[in-house]
Amino acid sequence: MKKLLIGAMLVGASLYASDIKGVIQSINNAKKTITVNGSTIAVMPYTKIEQESCGMGWDSDKKFADLKKGDLVEVDLMNGGQGLVAESIDIQCMKNRAY
């Protein structure tokens, strides 16, 4: 029984803990959400936001106001109970764009 319960917990955890990588399609400043790959993601006061350094030193800390439509981001998600919640957002370096 104990093994079955632990297995179910691990399967459940994998359904909620993941990440999304894509371009910010829209930003809702009033609700503090971003949309990436069609998924609306809540950005909380504790969400860690960083900008990659693009090989120029250390990554830099950013705020919700620094996010822009068109930014390439990698978002680590956690279960917020009522939808997707960003644990961290990494703004990716776009210096080597394909077009």
N, C-alpha and C. Protein backbone atom coordinates (compact mmCIF):
# COMPACT_ATOMS: atom_id res chain seq x y z
N MET A 1 0.82 -1.19 0.00
CA MET A 1 0.00 0.00 0.00
C MET A 1 0.87 1.26 0.00
N LYS A 2 1.93 1.23 0.81
CA LYS A 2 2.81 2.38 0.90
C LYS A 2 3.46 2.68 -0.45
N LYS A 3 3.93 1.64 -1.17
CA LYS A 3 4.55 1.81 -2.49
C LYS A 3 3.55 2.38 -3.48
N LEU A 4 2.31 1.91 -3.43
CA LEU A 4 1.27 2.39 -4.33
C LEU A 4 1.01 3.88 -4.10
N LEU A 5 0.94 4.29 -2.86
CA LEU A 5 0.70 5.69 -2.52
C LEU A 5 1.85 6.57 -2.98
N ILE A 6 3.08 6.16 -2.77
CA ILE A 6 4.25 6.93 -3.20
C ILE A 6 4.27 7.02 -4.71
N GLY A 7 3.98 5.93 -5.41
CA GLY A 7 3.93 5.94 -6.87
C GLY A 7 2.88 6.92 -7.38
N ALA A 8 1.72 6.93 -6.77
CA ALA A 8 0.65 7.86 -7.18
C ALA A 8 1.08 9.30 -6.94
N MET A 9 1.78 9.55 -5.84
CA MET A 9 2.25 10.91 -5.55
C MET A 9 3.26 11.35 -6.61
N LEU A 10 4.16 10.46 -7.03
CA LEU A 10 5.15 10.81 -8.04
C LEU A 10 4.50 11.07 -9.38
N VAL A 11 3.53 10.28 -9.75
CA VAL A 11 2.82 10.51 -11.01
C VAL A 11 2.10 11.84 -10.95
N GLY A 12 1.43 12.13 -9.85
CA GLY A 12 0.73 13.40 -9.69
C GLY A 12 1.68 14.58 -9.74
N ALA A 13 2.84 14.45 -9.15
CA ALA A 13 3.82 15.54 -9.16
C ALA A 13 4.28 15.84 -10.57
N SER A 14 4.45 14.80 -11.37
CA SER A 14 4.93 15.02 -12.73
C SER A 14 3.89 15.74 -13.59
N LEU A 15 2.61 15.66 -13.22
CA LEU A 15 1.57 16.35 -13.98
C LEU A 15 1.61 17.86 -13.75
N TYR A 16 2.14 18.29 -12.63
CA TYR A 16 2.09 19.70 -12.28
C TYR A 16 3.43 20.42 -12.35
N ALA A 17 4.52 19.73 -12.16
CA ALA A 17 5.84 20.36 -12.17
C ALA A 17 6.46 20.16 -13.55
N SER A 18 6.62 21.23 -14.28
CA SER A 18 7.20 21.14 -15.62
C SER A 18 7.71 22.51 -16.02
N ASP A 19 8.02 22.65 -17.28
CA ASP A 19 8.42 23.97 -17.75
C ASP A 19 7.91 24.18 -19.17
N ILE A 20 7.85 25.43 -19.54
CA ILE A 20 7.42 25.84 -20.87
C ILE A 20 8.50 26.74 -21.43
N LYS A 21 8.86 26.52 -22.68
CA LYS A 21 9.82 27.40 -23.35
C LYS A 21 9.13 27.94 -24.60
N GLY A 22 9.15 29.25 -24.76
CA GLY A 22 8.51 29.86 -25.92
C GLY A 22 8.58 31.37 -25.85
N VAL A 23 7.85 32.01 -26.75
CA VAL A 23 7.83 33.46 -26.85
C VAL A 23 6.61 34.01 -26.11
N ILE A 24 6.80 35.09 -25.37
CA ILE A 24 5.67 35.73 -24.70
C ILE A 24 4.75 36.31 -25.77
N GLN A 25 3.51 35.81 -25.80
CA GLN A 25 2.53 36.26 -26.78
C GLN A 25 1.74 37.47 -26.29
N SER A 26 1.50 37.52 -24.98
CA SER A 26 0.78 38.66 -24.41
C SER A 26 1.09 38.77 -22.93
N ILE A 27 0.86 39.97 -22.41
CA ILE A 27 1.09 40.26 -20.99
C ILE A 27 -0.15 40.99 -20.47
N ASN A 28 -0.67 40.52 -19.33
CA ASN A 28 -1.79 41.19 -18.69
C ASN A 28 -1.26 41.82 -17.40
N ASN A 29 -1.03 43.12 -17.44
CA ASN A 29 -0.45 43.82 -16.28
C ASN A 29 -1.40 43.83 -15.09
N ALA A 30 -2.70 43.93 -15.33
CA ALA A 30 -3.66 43.99 -14.23
C ALA A 30 -3.72 42.67 -13.46
N LYS A 31 -3.71 41.55 -14.19
CA LYS A 31 -3.79 40.24 -13.56
C LYS A 31 -2.43 39.62 -13.26
N LYS A 32 -1.36 40.27 -13.72
CA LYS A 32 0.02 39.76 -13.56
C LYS A 32 0.15 38.35 -14.14
N THR A 33 -0.23 38.25 -15.43
CA THR A 33 -0.09 36.99 -16.15
C THR A 33 0.63 37.22 -17.47
N ILE A 34 1.25 36.16 -17.96
CA ILE A 34 1.83 36.16 -19.30
C ILE A 34 1.25 34.96 -20.05
N THR A 35 1.22 35.06 -21.37
CA THR A 35 0.77 33.94 -22.20
C THR A 35 1.94 33.48 -23.05
N VAL A 36 2.28 32.19 -22.92
CA VAL A 36 3.37 31.56 -23.66
C VAL A 36 2.82 30.27 -24.27
N ASN A 37 2.99 30.11 -25.57
CA ASN A 37 2.50 28.91 -26.28
C ASN A 37 1.02 28.66 -26.02
N GLY A 38 0.24 29.73 -25.88
CA GLY A 38 -1.20 29.60 -25.66
C GLY A 38 -1.60 29.32 -24.23
N SER A 39 -0.63 29.20 -23.32
CA SER A 39 -0.92 28.94 -21.91
C SER A 39 -0.78 30.22 -21.10
N THR A 40 -1.81 30.53 -20.32
CA THR A 40 -1.76 31.70 -19.44
C THR A 40 -1.12 31.29 -18.13
N ILE A 41 -0.10 32.04 -17.73
CA ILE A 41 0.72 31.70 -16.56
C ILE A 41 0.70 32.87 -15.59
N ALA A 42 0.34 32.59 -14.33
CA ALA A 42 0.34 33.62 -13.29
C ALA A 42 1.77 33.88 -12.82
N VAL A 43 2.10 35.14 -12.66
CA VAL A 43 3.41 35.55 -12.14
C VAL A 43 3.16 36.12 -10.75
N MET A 44 3.72 35.48 -9.75
CA MET A 44 3.49 35.84 -8.35
C MET A 44 4.60 36.78 -7.85
N PRO A 45 4.38 37.44 -6.72
CA PRO A 45 5.42 38.31 -6.17
C PRO A 45 6.73 37.57 -5.87
N TYR A 46 6.65 36.27 -5.60
CA TYR A 46 7.85 35.48 -5.28
C TYR A 46 8.48 34.82 -6.51
N THR A 47 7.89 35.00 -7.70
CA THR A 47 8.46 34.42 -8.92
C THR A 47 9.82 35.05 -9.20
N LYS A 48 10.82 34.22 -9.40
CA LYS A 48 12.17 34.70 -9.70
C LYS A 48 12.27 34.94 -11.20
N ILE A 49 12.65 36.16 -11.60
CA ILE A 49 12.79 36.51 -13.00
C ILE A 49 14.24 36.92 -13.24
N GLU A 50 14.88 36.26 -14.23
CA GLU A 50 16.27 36.56 -14.56
C GLU A 50 16.43 36.73 -16.07
N GLN A 51 17.36 37.60 -16.45
CA GLN A 51 17.75 37.80 -17.84
C GLN A 51 19.10 37.14 -18.04
N GLU A 52 19.21 36.25 -19.05
CA GLU A 52 20.50 35.63 -19.36
C GLU A 52 21.50 36.70 -19.76
N SER A 53 22.75 36.47 -19.44
CA SER A 53 23.79 37.46 -19.72
C SER A 53 24.28 37.43 -21.16
N CYS A 54 23.95 36.41 -21.93
CA CYS A 54 24.41 36.24 -23.31
C CYS A 54 25.93 36.21 -23.40
N GLY A 55 26.57 35.60 -22.39
CA GLY A 55 28.01 35.48 -22.39
C GLY A 55 28.75 36.73 -21.95
N MET A 56 28.04 37.70 -21.39
CA MET A 56 28.65 38.98 -21.01
C MET A 56 28.75 39.15 -19.50
N GLY A 57 28.86 38.08 -18.74
CA GLY A 57 28.96 38.20 -17.29
C GLY A 57 27.87 37.40 -16.60
N TRP A 58 27.32 37.97 -15.52
CA TRP A 58 26.31 37.29 -14.72
C TRP A 58 24.91 37.57 -15.25
N ASP A 59 24.00 36.60 -15.02
CA ASP A 59 22.59 36.85 -15.30
C ASP A 59 22.12 37.97 -14.38
N SER A 60 21.11 38.74 -14.82
CA SER A 60 20.65 39.85 -14.00
C SER A 60 19.19 39.64 -13.58
N ASP A 61 18.90 40.06 -12.35
CA ASP A 61 17.55 39.97 -11.81
C ASP A 61 16.65 40.98 -12.51
N LYS A 62 15.42 40.58 -12.78
CA LYS A 62 14.45 41.45 -13.44
C LYS A 62 13.14 41.41 -12.67
N LYS A 63 12.21 42.28 -13.07
CA LYS A 63 10.88 42.37 -12.46
C LYS A 63 9.83 42.11 -13.52
N PHE A 64 8.58 41.94 -13.10
CA PHE A 64 7.48 41.70 -14.03
C PHE A 64 7.42 42.80 -15.09
N ALA A 65 7.65 44.04 -14.70
CA ALA A 65 7.59 45.17 -15.64
C ALA A 65 8.65 45.07 -16.74
N ASP A 66 9.71 44.28 -16.53
CA ASP A 66 10.77 44.13 -17.53
C ASP A 66 10.41 43.13 -18.62
N LEU A 67 9.38 42.31 -18.40
CA LEU A 67 8.97 41.33 -19.41
C LEU A 67 8.32 42.06 -20.58
N LYS A 68 8.61 41.58 -21.81
CA LYS A 68 8.07 42.22 -23.01
C LYS A 68 7.49 41.16 -23.94
N LYS A 69 6.44 41.55 -24.63
CA LYS A 69 5.87 40.69 -25.66
C LYS A 69 6.98 40.42 -26.68
N GLY A 70 7.17 39.15 -27.06
CA GLY A 70 8.22 38.78 -28.00
C GLY A 70 9.46 38.23 -27.33
N ASP A 71 9.59 38.38 -25.99
CA ASP A 71 10.73 37.80 -25.28
C ASP A 71 10.66 36.27 -25.35
N LEU A 72 11.81 35.64 -25.60
CA LEU A 72 11.91 34.19 -25.51
C LEU A 72 12.19 33.84 -24.06
N VAL A 73 11.33 33.02 -23.47
CA VAL A 73 11.45 32.70 -22.05
C VAL A 73 11.39 31.21 -21.81
N GLU A 74 11.99 30.79 -20.72
CA GLU A 74 11.82 29.44 -20.19
C GLU A 74 11.19 29.61 -18.82
N VAL A 75 10.01 29.02 -18.63
CA VAL A 75 9.25 29.20 -17.40
C VAL A 75 9.17 27.87 -16.67
N ASP A 76 9.67 27.85 -15.42
CA ASP A 76 9.51 26.69 -14.56
C ASP A 76 8.19 26.86 -13.83
N LEU A 77 7.33 25.85 -13.94
CA LEU A 77 5.98 25.93 -13.40
C LEU A 77 5.83 25.13 -12.12
N MET A 78 4.83 25.54 -11.33
CA MET A 78 4.43 24.76 -10.16
C MET A 78 2.92 24.77 -10.11
N ASN A 79 2.35 23.86 -9.38
CA ASN A 79 0.90 23.77 -9.27
C ASN A 79 0.40 24.86 -8.34
N GLY A 80 -0.44 25.73 -8.88
CA GLY A 80 -1.00 26.80 -8.07
C GLY A 80 -2.40 26.48 -7.59
N GLY A 81 -2.91 25.29 -7.90
CA GLY A 81 -4.24 24.92 -7.47
C GLY A 81 -5.33 25.43 -8.40
N GLN A 82 -5.11 26.59 -9.02
CA GLN A 82 -6.12 27.16 -9.91
C GLN A 82 -5.54 27.49 -11.27
N GLY A 83 -4.49 26.82 -11.65
CA GLY A 83 -3.89 27.06 -12.96
C GLY A 83 -2.38 27.07 -12.88
N LEU A 84 -1.75 27.49 -13.96
CA LEU A 84 -0.30 27.50 -14.05
C LEU A 84 0.27 28.70 -13.31
N VAL A 85 1.30 28.46 -12.52
CA VAL A 85 1.98 29.51 -11.75
C VAL A 85 3.47 29.40 -12.03
N ALA A 86 4.10 30.54 -12.32
CA ALA A 86 5.54 30.56 -12.60
C ALA A 86 6.33 30.56 -11.30
N GLU A 87 7.20 29.56 -11.16
CA GLU A 87 8.15 29.55 -10.05
C GLU A 87 9.34 30.43 -10.42
N SER A 88 9.79 30.30 -11.68
CA SER A 88 10.87 31.15 -12.18
C SER A 88 10.69 31.38 -13.67
N ILE A 89 11.20 32.52 -14.12
CA ILE A 89 11.16 32.87 -15.54
C ILE A 89 12.56 33.29 -15.93
N ASP A 90 13.12 32.62 -16.95
CA ASP A 90 14.43 32.98 -17.48
C ASP A 90 14.23 33.59 -18.86
N ILE A 91 14.58 34.84 -19.00
CA ILE A 91 14.52 35.51 -20.30
C ILE A 91 15.77 35.07 -21.06
N GLN A 92 15.57 34.37 -22.16
CA GLN A 92 16.67 33.77 -22.91
C GLN A 92 17.38 34.78 -23.80
N CYS A 93 18.64 34.52 -24.03
CA CYS A 93 19.45 35.33 -24.93
C CYS A 93 18.98 35.08 -26.35
N MET A 94 18.77 36.14 -27.11
CA MET A 94 18.30 35.98 -28.49
C MET A 94 19.30 36.56 -29.48
N LYS A 95 20.58 36.54 -29.12
CA LYS A 95 21.56 37.16 -29.99
C LYS A 95 21.83 36.35 -31.26
N ASN A 96 21.58 35.05 -31.23
CA ASN A 96 21.81 34.19 -32.40
C ASN A 96 20.47 33.75 -33.00
N ARG A 97 19.63 34.68 -33.36
CA ARG A 97 18.31 34.36 -33.89
C ARG A 97 18.42 33.81 -35.31
N ALA A 98 17.51 32.92 -35.65
CA ALA A 98 17.48 32.32 -36.98
C ALA A 98 16.99 33.32 -38.02
N TYR A 99 16.16 34.26 -37.63
CA TYR A 99 15.65 35.29 -38.56
C TYR A 99 15.21 36.50 -37.78
